[in-house]
Amino acid sequence: MYKTKQKSRLLDFLKSNMSSQLSINEIIDGVCCDGVTGKSTIYRQISKMVEDGTLLRMHGEDSKSVIYQYMGEGTHCGEHFHLKCTECGRLIHLDCHHLENIGMHIQEEHKFLIDMKKTVLYGICDNCRKSC
């Protein structure tokens, strides 16, 4: 029951910040303020959520840091590429059959299986390009 409350608190925090990309410290600060939820519990839960696709793990702007974004339960982030705007930070789920073909080509011709959960292409979205 105790672990269920901690996991529920983490999920509530992530859901309330669904459109944000958060560092591990921001997640810990947002969840551990009650003095009950421990950092090790947060790390364990985050690892499980990344594995099941509920939470997307990406590199931060400096490429050394790591950020997380809640994707929701039942999402299929392991089945498509992602685009991230370097201007506004928006993450776009890219369900595109052309990229599926690229993924299959890479697997068949180059014997390399792409991990879609970790595949993020960086650039500038249309909205940010138009506002320049």
C-alpha atoms as a PDB file:
ATOM      1  CA  MET A   1       0.000   0.000   0.000  1.00  0.00           C
ATOM      2  CA  TYR A   2       2.832   2.408   0.851  1.00  0.00           C
ATOM      3  CA  LYS A   3       4.531   1.883  -2.511  1.00  0.00           C
ATOM      4  CA  THR A   4       1.205   2.340  -4.262  1.00  0.00           C
ATOM      5  CA  LYS A   5       0.815   5.784  -2.694  1.00  0.00           C
ATOM      6  CA  GLN A   6       4.332   6.751  -3.785  1.00  0.00           C
ATOM      7  CA  LYS A   7       3.751   5.562  -7.348  1.00  0.00           C
ATOM      8  CA  SER A   8       0.401   7.326  -7.426  1.00  0.00           C
ATOM      9  CA  ARG A   9       2.007  10.553  -6.242  1.00  0.00           C
ATOM     10  CA  LEU A  10       4.661  10.269  -8.979  1.00  0.00           C
ATOM     11  CA  LEU A  11       2.042   9.578 -11.664  1.00  0.00           C
ATOM     12  CA  ASP A  12      -0.094  12.500 -10.508  1.00  0.00           C
ATOM     13  CA  PHE A  13       2.904  14.817 -10.692  1.00  0.00           C
ATOM     14  CA  LEU A  14       3.918  13.600 -14.153  1.00  0.00           C
ATOM     15  CA  LYS A  15       0.359  13.838 -15.476  1.00  0.00           C
ATOM     16  CA  SER A  16       0.030  17.399 -14.195  1.00  0.00           C
ATOM     17  CA  ASN A  17       3.243  18.234 -16.072  1.00  0.00           C
ATOM     18  CA  MET A  18       2.475  16.208 -19.188  1.00  0.00           C
ATOM     19  CA  SER A  19       3.502  18.933 -21.630  1.00  0.00           C
ATOM     20  CA  SER A  20       6.801  19.575 -19.837  1.00  0.00           C
ATOM     21  CA  GLN A  21      10.166  17.934 -20.149  1.00  0.00           C
ATOM     22  CA  LEU A  22      11.572  17.494 -16.672  1.00  0.00           C
ATOM     23  CA  SER A  23      14.977  16.717 -15.238  1.00  0.00           C
ATOM     24  CA  ILE A  24      15.294  14.056 -12.577  1.00  0.00           C
ATOM     25  CA  ASN A  25      15.842  16.790  -9.980  1.00  0.00           C
ATOM     26  CA  GLU A  26      12.628  18.569 -10.999  1.00  0.00           C
ATOM     27  CA  ILE A  27      10.720  15.298 -10.653  1.00  0.00           C
ATOM     28  CA  ILE A  28      12.268  14.563  -7.262  1.00  0.00           C
ATOM     29  CA  ASP A  29      11.558  18.112  -6.036  1.00  0.00           C
ATOM     30  CA  GLY A  30       7.967  17.839  -7.217  1.00  0.00           C
ATOM     31  CA  VAL A  31       7.302  14.451  -5.643  1.00  0.00           C
ATOM     32  CA  CYS A  32       9.548  14.197  -2.592  1.00  0.00           C
ATOM     33  CA  CYS A  33       8.381  17.375  -0.887  1.00  0.00           C
ATOM     34  CA  ASP A  34       6.219  15.308   1.466  1.00  0.00           C
ATOM     35  CA  GLY A  35       9.228  13.724   3.178  1.00  0.00           C
ATOM     36  CA  VAL A  36       7.668  10.297   2.609  1.00  0.00           C
ATOM     37  CA  THR A  37       8.601   9.473  -0.976  1.00  0.00           C
ATOM     38  CA  GLY A  38      12.284   8.562  -1.291  1.00  0.00           C
ATOM     39  CA  LYS A  39      14.653   9.330  -4.142  1.00  0.00           C
ATOM     40  CA  SER A  40      15.476   5.670  -4.700  1.00  0.00           C
ATOM     41  CA  THR A  41      11.773   4.926  -5.147  1.00  0.00           C
ATOM     42  CA  ILE A  42      11.522   7.693  -7.738  1.00  0.00           C
ATOM     43  CA  TYR A  43      14.541   6.356  -9.636  1.00  0.00           C
ATOM     44  CA  ARG A  44      13.104   2.813  -9.642  1.00  0.00           C
ATOM     45  CA  GLN A  45       9.669   3.963 -10.791  1.00  0.00           C
ATOM     46  CA  ILE A  46      11.142   6.174 -13.520  1.00  0.00           C
ATOM     47  CA  SER A  47      13.221   3.260 -14.840  1.00  0.00           C
ATOM     48  CA  LYS A  48      10.124   1.054 -14.997  1.00  0.00           C
ATOM     49  CA  MET A  49       8.112   3.776 -16.720  1.00  0.00           C
ATOM     50  CA  VAL A  50      10.832   4.327 -19.332  1.00  0.00           C
ATOM     51  CA  GLU A  51      10.920   0.576 -20.009  1.00  0.00           C
ATOM     52  CA  ASP A  52       7.160   0.327 -20.517  1.00  0.00           C
ATOM     53  CA  GLY A  53       6.991   3.489 -22.658  1.00  0.00           C
ATOM     54  CA  THR A  54       4.951   5.562 -20.211  1.00  0.00           C
ATOM     55  CA  LEU A  55       7.849   7.977 -19.799  1.00  0.00           C
ATOM     56  CA  LEU A  56      10.123   9.107 -22.634  1.00  0.00           C
ATOM     57  CA  ARG A  57      13.814   9.591 -21.797  1.00  0.00           C
ATOM     58  CA  MET A  58      15.721  12.113 -23.943  1.00  0.00           C
ATOM     59  CA  HIS A  59      18.962  14.030 -23.894  1.00  0.00           C
ATOM     60  CA  GLY A  60      18.756  17.580 -22.616  1.00  0.00           C
ATOM     61  CA  GLU A  61      19.953  20.608 -24.529  1.00  0.00           C
ATOM     62  CA  ASP A  62      23.581  20.099 -23.513  1.00  0.00           C
ATOM     63  CA  SER A  63      23.398  16.438 -24.681  1.00  0.00           C
ATOM     64  CA  LYS A  64      24.895  15.339 -21.343  1.00  0.00           C
ATOM     65  CA  SER A  65      21.820  15.833 -19.204  1.00  0.00           C
ATOM     66  CA  VAL A  66      18.712  13.677 -19.354  1.00  0.00           C
ATOM     67  CA  ILE A  67      15.111  14.856 -19.384  1.00  0.00           C
ATOM     68  CA  TYR A  68      11.855  12.972 -19.160  1.00  0.00           C
ATOM     69  CA  GLN A  69       8.399  13.533 -20.562  1.00  0.00           C
ATOM     70  CA  TYR A  70       5.250  11.699 -19.542  1.00  0.00           C
ATOM     71  CA  MET A  71       3.648  10.018 -22.552  1.00  0.00           C
ATOM     72  CA  GLY A  72       0.683   8.442 -20.837  1.00  0.00           C
ATOM     73  CA  GLU A  73      -0.246   4.838 -20.357  1.00  0.00           C
ATOM     74  CA  GLY A  74      -0.974   2.833 -23.478  1.00  0.00           C
ATOM     75  CA  THR A  75       1.058   5.026 -25.805  1.00  0.00           C
ATOM     76  CA  HIS A  76       3.125   3.424 -28.511  1.00  0.00           C
ATOM     77  CA  CYS A  77       6.290   5.526 -28.369  1.00  0.00           C
ATOM     78  CA  GLY A  78       8.373   2.480 -29.130  1.00  0.00           C
ATOM     79  CA  GLU A  79       6.785   2.262 -32.558  1.00  0.00           C
ATOM     80  CA  HIS A  80       7.577   5.648 -34.067  1.00  0.00           C
ATOM     81  CA  PHE A  81      10.184   8.378 -34.349  1.00  0.00           C
ATOM     82  CA  HIS A  82       9.962  11.632 -32.401  1.00  0.00           C
ATOM     83  CA  LEU A  83      10.783  15.187 -33.413  1.00  0.00           C
ATOM     84  CA  LYS A  84      11.865  17.783 -30.866  1.00  0.00           C
ATOM     85  CA  CYS A  85      11.867  21.497 -31.569  1.00  0.00           C
ATOM     86  CA  THR A  86      15.056  23.111 -30.288  1.00  0.00           C
ATOM     87  CA  GLU A  87      13.287  26.483 -30.041  1.00  0.00           C
ATOM     88  CA  CYS A  88      10.080  25.770 -28.097  1.00  0.00           C
ATOM     89  CA  GLY A  89      10.871  22.274 -26.767  1.00  0.00           C
ATOM     90  CA  ARG A  90       7.739  20.723 -28.273  1.00  0.00           C
ATOM     91  CA  LEU A  91       7.868  16.952 -28.795  1.00  0.00           C
ATOM     92  CA  ILE A  92       6.087  15.605 -31.859  1.00  0.00           C
ATOM     93  CA  HIS A  93       5.127  11.942 -32.275  1.00  0.00           C
ATOM     94  CA  LEU A  94       5.845  11.101 -35.872  1.00  0.00           C
ATOM     95  CA  ASP A  95       3.653   8.302 -37.199  1.00  0.00           C
ATOM     96  CA  CYS A  96       4.982   8.253 -40.754  1.00  0.00           C
ATOM     97  CA  HIS A  97       5.102   5.236 -43.043  1.00  0.00           C
ATOM     98  CA  HIS A  98       8.153   6.664 -44.855  1.00  0.00           C
ATOM     99  CA  LEU A  99      10.174   6.485 -41.644  1.00  0.00           C
ATOM    100  CA  GLU A 100       8.919   2.961 -41.012  1.00  0.00           C
ATOM    101  CA  ASN A 101      10.498   2.063 -44.344  1.00  0.00           C
ATOM    102  CA  ILE A 102      13.761   3.699 -43.289  1.00  0.00           C
ATOM    103  CA  GLY A 103      13.728   1.725 -40.054  1.00  0.00           C
ATOM    104  CA  MET A 104      13.140  -1.524 -41.946  1.00  0.00           C
ATOM    105  CA  HIS A 105      15.870  -0.639 -44.459  1.00  0.00           C
ATOM    106  CA  ILE A 106      18.372  -0.005 -41.672  1.00  0.00           C
ATOM    107  CA  GLN A 107      17.458  -3.283 -40.014  1.00  0.00           C
ATOM    108  CA  GLU A 108      17.598  -5.388 -43.185  1.00  0.00           C
ATOM    109  CA  GLU A 109      20.500  -3.776 -45.032  1.00  0.00           C
ATOM    110  CA  HIS A 110      22.677  -2.645 -42.135  1.00  0.00           C
ATOM    111  CA  LYS A 111      21.701  -5.277 -39.540  1.00  0.00           C
ATOM    112  CA  PHE A 112      20.874  -2.604 -36.988  1.00  0.00           C
ATOM    113  CA  LEU A 113      17.621  -2.426 -35.024  1.00  0.00           C
ATOM    114  CA  ILE A 114      16.605   1.112 -34.065  1.00  0.00           C
ATOM    115  CA  ASP A 115      15.178   1.646 -30.571  1.00  0.00           C
ATOM    116  CA  MET A 116      12.269   3.968 -31.397  1.00  0.00           C
ATOM    117  CA  LYS A 117      11.757   4.882 -27.738  1.00  0.00           C
ATOM    118  CA  LYS A 118      15.148   6.571 -27.824  1.00  0.00           C
ATOM    119  CA  THR A 119      14.991   8.043 -31.304  1.00  0.00           C
ATOM    120  CA  VAL A 120      14.518  11.793 -31.302  1.00  0.00           C
ATOM    121  CA  LEU A 121      15.328  14.007 -34.280  1.00  0.00           C
ATOM    122  CA  TYR A 122      16.096  17.617 -33.395  1.00  0.00           C
ATOM    123  CA  GLY A 123      15.187  20.662 -35.466  1.00  0.00           C
ATOM    124  CA  ILE A 124      12.822  23.636 -35.595  1.00  0.00           C
ATOM    125  CA  CYS A 125       9.057  23.189 -35.847  1.00  0.00           C
ATOM    126  CA  ASP A 126       6.908  25.029 -38.379  1.00  0.00           C
ATOM    127  CA  ASN A 127       5.439  27.387 -35.765  1.00  0.00           C
ATOM    128  CA  CYS A 128       8.872  28.534 -34.596  1.00  0.00           C
ATOM    129  CA  ARG A 129      10.165  28.901 -38.160  1.00  0.00           C
ATOM    130  CA  LYS A 130       7.179  31.084 -39.051  1.00  0.00           C
ATOM    131  CA  SER A 131       7.662  33.333 -36.023  1.00  0.00           C
ATOM    132  CA  CYS A 132      11.310  34.130 -36.882  1.00  0.00           C
END
